Amino acid sequence: MSAPTLAAVIAGLTLVTLATRSLFLLLGDRVSLPARIRHGLRYAPMCALAALIVPQLVLAERGLAITPFNARLDAGLIAMAVMLFSRSMLGAMSAGMVAFLLLRALL
């Protein structure tokens, strides 16, 4: 891809991203979303976070690594359990990191 084509693609994608993200800010309260859509948008940050974290936990160099010997997956499950039971983000992050370091050393 040539430099001018690449610059045009980047500029076009920038404009599209800017238009779609600023649409809600520009329209403000003039256009209200239906309750069903507002309810669904509450889950968007959780879904985005899961989309970033889950591949890091289950993918290895050669493909899926859903085994008991995957230290990342095991540590992620431990962090999730701590979060579910304690509701402490700091506790979950600490437990996940300690578990990962120990499991990586042992496995």
N, C-alpha and C. Protein backbone atom coordinates (compact mmCIF):
# COMPACT_ATOMS: atom_id res chain seq x y z
N MET A 1 0.85 -1.16 0.00
CA MET A 1 0.00 0.00 0.00
C MET A 1 0.90 1.23 0.00
N SER A 2 0.61 2.15 -0.89
CA SER A 2 1.44 3.34 -1.01
C SER A 2 1.16 4.31 0.14
N ALA A 3 2.07 5.25 0.33
CA ALA A 3 1.95 6.21 1.44
C ALA A 3 0.69 7.07 1.31
N PRO A 4 0.36 7.62 0.12
CA PRO A 4 -0.87 8.42 0.04
C PRO A 4 -2.13 7.60 0.31
N THR A 5 -2.15 6.37 -0.15
CA THR A 5 -3.31 5.51 0.10
C THR A 5 -3.44 5.21 1.59
N LEU A 6 -2.34 4.92 2.22
CA LEU A 6 -2.34 4.66 3.66
C LEU A 6 -2.81 5.89 4.44
N ALA A 7 -2.34 7.06 4.04
CA ALA A 7 -2.76 8.29 4.71
C ALA A 7 -4.25 8.53 4.53
N ALA A 8 -4.77 8.24 3.33
CA ALA A 8 -6.20 8.41 3.07
C ALA A 8 -7.03 7.43 3.89
N VAL A 9 -6.56 6.21 4.02
CA VAL A 9 -7.28 5.21 4.81
C VAL A 9 -7.29 5.63 6.28
N ILE A 10 -6.15 6.07 6.80
CA ILE A 10 -6.09 6.51 8.19
C ILE A 10 -6.99 7.71 8.42
N ALA A 11 -6.99 8.68 7.51
CA ALA A 11 -7.85 9.85 7.64
C ALA A 11 -9.32 9.46 7.59
N GLY A 12 -9.67 8.55 6.69
CA GLY A 12 -11.06 8.10 6.59
C GLY A 12 -11.52 7.38 7.84
N LEU A 13 -10.69 6.50 8.34
CA LEU A 13 -11.05 5.79 9.57
C LEU A 13 -11.14 6.74 10.76
N THR A 14 -10.29 7.74 10.78
CA THR A 14 -10.35 8.74 11.86
C THR A 14 -11.67 9.49 11.81
N LEU A 15 -12.09 9.90 10.62
CA LEU A 15 -13.35 10.63 10.49
C LEU A 15 -14.55 9.76 10.87
N VAL A 16 -14.55 8.52 10.44
CA VAL A 16 -15.66 7.63 10.77
C VAL A 16 -15.72 7.40 12.28
N THR A 17 -14.56 7.17 12.90
CA THR A 17 -14.53 6.95 14.35
C THR A 17 -14.99 8.20 15.09
N LEU A 18 -14.51 9.35 14.66
CA LEU A 18 -14.91 10.60 15.30
C LEU A 18 -16.41 10.84 15.16
N ALA A 19 -16.96 10.58 13.99
CA ALA A 19 -18.39 10.80 13.76
C ALA A 19 -19.25 9.85 14.61
N THR A 20 -18.87 8.59 14.64
CA THR A 20 -19.70 7.63 15.38
C THR A 20 -19.60 7.81 16.89
N ARG A 21 -18.44 8.21 17.37
CA ARG A 21 -18.29 8.37 18.83
C ARG A 21 -18.85 9.69 19.32
N SER A 22 -18.82 10.71 18.50
CA SER A 22 -19.31 12.01 18.96
C SER A 22 -20.80 12.21 18.67
N LEU A 23 -21.42 11.27 18.00
CA LEU A 23 -22.83 11.39 17.67
C LEU A 23 -23.69 11.56 18.92
N PHE A 24 -23.43 10.75 19.94
CA PHE A 24 -24.22 10.84 21.16
C PHE A 24 -23.96 12.15 21.90
N LEU A 25 -22.73 12.64 21.84
CA LEU A 25 -22.41 13.90 22.50
C LEU A 25 -23.07 15.09 21.79
N LEU A 26 -23.07 15.05 20.47
CA LEU A 26 -23.66 16.16 19.72
C LEU A 26 -25.18 16.20 19.83
N LEU A 27 -25.80 15.03 19.82
CA LEU A 27 -27.25 14.99 19.89
C LEU A 27 -27.77 15.21 21.31
N GLY A 28 -26.98 14.81 22.29
CA GLY A 28 -27.36 15.03 23.68
C GLY A 28 -28.69 14.41 24.03
N ASP A 29 -29.54 15.20 24.68
CA ASP A 29 -30.84 14.70 25.13
C ASP A 29 -31.93 14.88 24.08
N ARG A 30 -31.57 15.43 22.93
CA ARG A 30 -32.58 15.63 21.89
C ARG A 30 -33.12 14.32 21.35
N VAL A 31 -32.27 13.31 21.33
CA VAL A 31 -32.69 11.98 20.87
C VAL A 31 -32.48 11.02 22.03
N SER A 32 -33.55 10.43 22.50
CA SER A 32 -33.40 9.48 23.60
C SER A 32 -33.43 8.06 23.06
N LEU A 33 -32.57 7.24 23.63
CA LEU A 33 -32.52 5.85 23.23
C LEU A 33 -33.61 5.07 23.94
N PRO A 34 -34.14 4.07 23.28
CA PRO A 34 -35.13 3.22 23.95
C PRO A 34 -34.52 2.55 25.19
N ALA A 35 -35.36 2.24 26.15
CA ALA A 35 -34.90 1.65 27.40
C ALA A 35 -34.16 0.34 27.17
N ARG A 36 -34.59 -0.42 26.20
CA ARG A 36 -33.94 -1.72 25.92
C ARG A 36 -32.50 -1.52 25.45
N ILE A 37 -32.26 -0.52 24.62
CA ILE A 37 -30.91 -0.24 24.14
C ILE A 37 -30.05 0.31 25.28
N ARG A 38 -30.61 1.23 26.09
CA ARG A 38 -29.86 1.75 27.24
C ARG A 38 -29.47 0.63 28.19
N HIS A 39 -30.38 -0.31 28.41
CA HIS A 39 -30.09 -1.44 29.28
C HIS A 39 -28.96 -2.29 28.68
N GLY A 40 -28.99 -2.52 27.38
CA GLY A 40 -27.95 -3.30 26.73
C GLY A 40 -26.60 -2.61 26.74
N LEU A 41 -26.58 -1.29 26.64
CA LEU A 41 -25.32 -0.55 26.63
C LEU A 41 -24.63 -0.57 27.99
N ARG A 42 -25.36 -0.88 29.04
CA ARG A 42 -24.73 -1.00 30.36
C ARG A 42 -23.70 -2.12 30.39
N TYR A 43 -23.87 -3.12 29.53
CA TYR A 43 -22.97 -4.27 29.52
C TYR A 43 -21.80 -4.10 28.56
N ALA A 44 -21.75 -3.02 27.81
CA ALA A 44 -20.69 -2.82 26.82
C ALA A 44 -19.30 -2.78 27.44
N PRO A 45 -19.07 -2.05 28.54
CA PRO A 45 -17.72 -2.06 29.12
C PRO A 45 -17.28 -3.44 29.59
N MET A 46 -18.20 -4.20 30.17
CA MET A 46 -17.87 -5.55 30.62
C MET A 46 -17.48 -6.44 29.43
N CYS A 47 -18.24 -6.32 28.36
CA CYS A 47 -17.96 -7.13 27.17
C CYS A 47 -16.62 -6.75 26.55
N ALA A 48 -16.32 -5.46 26.51
CA ALA A 48 -15.04 -5.02 25.95
C ALA A 48 -13.88 -5.53 26.79
N LEU A 49 -14.03 -5.47 28.11
CA LEU A 49 -12.98 -5.98 28.99
C LEU A 49 -12.79 -7.48 28.82
N ALA A 50 -13.89 -8.21 28.73
CA ALA A 50 -13.79 -9.65 28.51
C ALA A 50 -13.14 -9.97 27.17
N ALA A 51 -13.44 -9.17 26.16
CA ALA A 51 -12.84 -9.41 24.84
C ALA A 51 -11.34 -9.17 24.86
N LEU A 52 -10.86 -8.34 25.74
CA LEU A 52 -9.42 -8.10 25.86
C LEU A 52 -8.73 -9.15 26.73
N ILE A 53 -9.40 -9.58 27.79
CA ILE A 53 -8.75 -10.46 28.77
C ILE A 53 -8.81 -11.93 28.39
N VAL A 54 -9.94 -12.42 27.95
CA VAL A 54 -10.12 -13.86 27.71
C VAL A 54 -9.13 -14.42 26.69
N PRO A 55 -8.88 -13.76 25.56
CA PRO A 55 -7.87 -14.33 24.64
C PRO A 55 -6.49 -14.45 25.28
N GLN A 56 -6.13 -13.52 26.16
CA GLN A 56 -4.83 -13.61 26.82
C GLN A 56 -4.77 -14.80 27.77
N LEU A 57 -5.91 -15.19 28.30
CA LEU A 57 -5.93 -16.31 29.25
C LEU A 57 -5.94 -17.66 28.56
N VAL A 58 -6.62 -17.79 27.43
CA VAL A 58 -6.82 -19.12 26.83
C VAL A 58 -5.98 -19.39 25.60
N LEU A 59 -5.31 -18.38 25.04
CA LEU A 59 -4.51 -18.60 23.85
C LEU A 59 -3.03 -18.72 24.21
N ALA A 60 -2.37 -19.66 23.57
CA ALA A 60 -0.93 -19.83 23.72
C ALA A 60 -0.29 -19.65 22.34
N GLU A 61 0.97 -19.92 22.25
CA GLU A 61 1.68 -19.72 20.98
C GLU A 61 1.10 -20.56 19.85
N ARG A 62 0.68 -21.75 20.17
CA ARG A 62 0.24 -22.69 19.13
C ARG A 62 -1.27 -22.82 19.02
N GLY A 63 -2.04 -22.07 19.79
CA GLY A 63 -3.50 -22.17 19.73
C GLY A 63 -4.11 -22.13 21.12
N LEU A 64 -5.25 -22.78 21.25
CA LEU A 64 -5.94 -22.81 22.54
C LEU A 64 -5.15 -23.58 23.58
N ALA A 65 -5.17 -23.06 24.79
CA ALA A 65 -4.46 -23.73 25.89
C ALA A 65 -5.40 -23.81 27.09
N ILE A 66 -6.49 -24.55 26.92
CA ILE A 66 -7.45 -24.73 28.02
C ILE A 66 -7.11 -26.04 28.72
N THR A 67 -6.07 -25.96 29.52
CA THR A 67 -5.59 -27.12 30.26
C THR A 67 -5.34 -26.71 31.71
N PRO A 68 -5.24 -27.67 32.61
CA PRO A 68 -4.92 -27.33 34.00
C PRO A 68 -3.50 -26.79 34.16
N PHE A 69 -2.68 -26.91 33.14
CA PHE A 69 -1.30 -26.47 33.22
C PHE A 69 -1.09 -25.09 32.60
N ASN A 70 -2.16 -24.38 32.33
CA ASN A 70 -2.08 -23.01 31.81
C ASN A 70 -2.12 -22.06 33.01
N ALA A 71 -0.96 -21.52 33.37
CA ALA A 71 -0.85 -20.68 34.58
C ALA A 71 -1.70 -19.43 34.45
N ARG A 72 -1.77 -18.85 33.25
CA ARG A 72 -2.57 -17.63 33.07
C ARG A 72 -4.05 -17.91 33.30
N LEU A 73 -4.54 -18.99 32.74
CA LEU A 73 -5.96 -19.33 32.90
C LEU A 73 -6.28 -19.66 34.35
N ASP A 74 -5.43 -20.43 34.99
CA ASP A 74 -5.66 -20.79 36.39
C ASP A 74 -5.65 -19.55 37.28
N ALA A 75 -4.69 -18.65 37.06
CA ALA A 75 -4.62 -17.42 37.85
C ALA A 75 -5.83 -16.53 37.58
N GLY A 76 -6.29 -16.49 36.34
CA GLY A 76 -7.49 -15.72 36.01
C GLY A 76 -8.72 -16.27 36.71
N LEU A 77 -8.83 -17.58 36.77
CA LEU A 77 -9.96 -18.19 37.47
C LEU A 77 -9.90 -17.93 38.97
N ILE A 78 -8.70 -17.95 39.53
CA ILE A 78 -8.54 -17.64 40.95
C ILE A 78 -8.92 -16.19 41.22
N ALA A 79 -8.46 -15.28 40.36
CA ALA A 79 -8.81 -13.86 40.53
C ALA A 79 -10.31 -13.65 40.41
N MET A 80 -10.94 -14.36 39.48
CA MET A 80 -12.39 -14.25 39.32
C MET A 80 -13.12 -14.75 40.56
N ALA A 81 -12.66 -15.86 41.13
CA ALA A 81 -13.29 -16.39 42.33
C ALA A 81 -13.14 -15.42 43.51
N VAL A 82 -11.95 -14.84 43.65
CA VAL A 82 -11.74 -13.87 44.73
C VAL A 82 -12.65 -12.66 44.53
N MET A 83 -12.79 -12.21 43.31
CA MET A 83 -13.65 -11.06 43.04
C MET A 83 -15.11 -11.38 43.34
N LEU A 84 -15.56 -12.57 42.98
CA LEU A 84 -16.95 -12.94 43.22
C LEU A 84 -17.26 -13.04 44.71
N PHE A 85 -16.32 -13.56 45.49
CA PHE A 85 -16.60 -13.76 46.90
C PHE A 85 -16.31 -12.54 47.76
N SER A 86 -15.30 -11.74 47.39
CA SER A 86 -14.92 -10.62 48.26
C SER A 86 -15.36 -9.27 47.72
N ARG A 87 -15.65 -9.17 46.43
CA ARG A 87 -15.98 -7.89 45.79
C ARG A 87 -14.87 -6.87 45.96
N SER A 88 -13.64 -7.33 46.09
CA SER A 88 -12.49 -6.45 46.25
C SER A 88 -11.63 -6.52 44.99
N MET A 89 -11.57 -5.41 44.26
CA MET A 89 -10.78 -5.38 43.04
C MET A 89 -9.30 -5.55 43.36
N LEU A 90 -8.83 -4.87 44.41
CA LEU A 90 -7.43 -4.99 44.80
C LEU A 90 -7.10 -6.41 45.24
N GLY A 91 -8.01 -7.04 45.98
CA GLY A 91 -7.81 -8.42 46.40
C GLY A 91 -7.76 -9.38 45.21
N ALA A 92 -8.64 -9.16 44.24
CA ALA A 92 -8.67 -10.02 43.06
C ALA A 92 -7.40 -9.86 42.24
N MET A 93 -6.96 -8.62 42.05
CA MET A 93 -5.73 -8.40 41.28
C MET A 93 -4.52 -8.99 42.00
N SER A 94 -4.47 -8.80 43.31
CA SER A 94 -3.35 -9.35 44.09
C SER A 94 -3.35 -10.87 44.06
N ALA A 95 -4.51 -11.46 44.29
CA ALA A 95 -4.61 -12.92 44.27
C ALA A 95 -4.25 -13.48 42.90
N GLY A 96 -4.70 -12.82 41.84
CA GLY A 96 -4.38 -13.28 40.49
C GLY A 96 -2.90 -13.20 40.18
N MET A 97 -2.26 -12.11 40.59
CA MET A 97 -0.84 -11.96 40.32
C MET A 97 0.00 -12.94 41.15
N VAL A 98 -0.34 -13.09 42.42
CA VAL A 98 0.40 -14.05 43.26
C VAL A 98 0.20 -15.46 42.73
N ALA A 99 -1.03 -15.80 42.38
CA ALA A 99 -1.30 -17.13 41.83
C ALA A 99 -0.54 -17.35 40.53
N PHE A 100 -0.51 -16.33 39.68
CA PHE A 100 0.20 -16.47 38.40
C PHE A 100 1.69 -16.68 38.63
N LEU A 101 2.28 -15.89 39.52
CA LEU A 101 3.71 -16.03 39.77
C LEU A 101 4.04 -17.41 40.35
N LEU A 102 3.22 -17.87 41.29
CA LEU A 102 3.47 -19.19 41.88
C LEU A 102 3.24 -20.31 40.86
N LEU A 103 2.15 -20.22 40.11
CA LEU A 103 1.85 -21.28 39.13
C LEU A 103 2.89 -21.31 38.01
N ARG A 104 3.34 -20.13 37.59
CA ARG A 104 4.35 -20.10 36.52
C ARG A 104 5.66 -20.73 37.02
N ALA A 105 5.98 -20.51 38.29
CA ALA A 105 7.20 -21.10 38.84
C ALA A 105 7.04 -22.61 39.01
N LEU A 106 5.83 -23.06 39.37
CA LEU A 106 5.61 -24.49 39.62
C LEU A 106 5.35 -25.28 38.35
N LEU A 107 4.66 -24.68 37.39
CA LEU A 107 4.30 -25.42 36.17
C LEU A 107 5.39 -25.16 35.17
